[in-house]
């Protein structure tokens, strides 16, 4: 099946990303957005030049390294009953991992190595001075700063998952293919256990390279809604929060730098916490009660604060008003008190 290609934009650089594109909440590829980065230029010389450039910033701090058996073909997944991950994780060094990746290029039975989401400033200080982008944000005064991370690996596959943060992923060495799905495709992607997970996020149980349509028939519907983006060094991809994405490294040496952010206040809690609370209080109730709660959540949550509080006097709105830091503390204390009864 030929998948729809993600929209590609040309003519933008790391300092002038258009705000309207980010606000659209639709994936888009920025062709050669970071093509002028020194990191990208080093990679165009050779993989070794790229590795040496990266090593020049490394301060020696340990990282979590994933070692994936050769039989997995780079895929990070589960054992047969999904109770354990099918690869090893250990504390290691970035420089040694980079060398191991290059040394294993011509070895058929060599394991694949992968370092995921390593914060750049804690391990590669100074790297961002000349390798950076400016994200056009309209953020709350208490919003999180951008989280800038580096992803280092061989020919690996990050199984389809979603993130609750907006993301710009910059390919700075190697090539990657992203297969993207809108949030409404979750059921068609057959998400697996909530724990354990390869990277903290639930993943699809479908093997994209060899899908079992008898076991996962609705995956055919997901593919109809999918889009694909292939990134070369210097390209960047905007992935809106909550979009599912499956990431394949297409070369033996791959480096990606990504920027995560959220413009809402950072004192709000994770949506996953709300999901777990709903499992505790709603999921296992009767079908008609769940249906009722669906309407209540639409009114109070998904339609936004304004719809549920606009007709209530301001002094009587309590938790119905948009929450500030003090309101969050009060609501958190209220919930803890309720749960402890």
Foldseek 3Di string as FASTA:
>chain_A
DDFAAAAEDEDAAQECDDPVVLVVQGKYKYALNQVVFPLLVLQVVHLVSNLVVQVVQFPFAKAKKKWAWLVVVQEWAAPPVRPGIRTDIDIDTPSVLSVLLVVCQPPNGGTKMKTPFAQCCVTRNPSCVRRHGDHDDPFDPQWDDKGKGKMWIFFHKDAKFFAQWKKKKAWRHAKKKKKKFALVCVLLQCWDDCPDDPPNTTGGPADVVDGDCVVRVSVVVRSRRIHMYMDDRSMMMIRRGNMIIMMGGPGGITMMMMITTDRYRPLDDDPVVVVVVCVVPPDPDDPVVNVVVVVVCVQQPVVDLCNNPVVPPPVPCQLSDDDDNVSSVVVVVVVVVVVVD
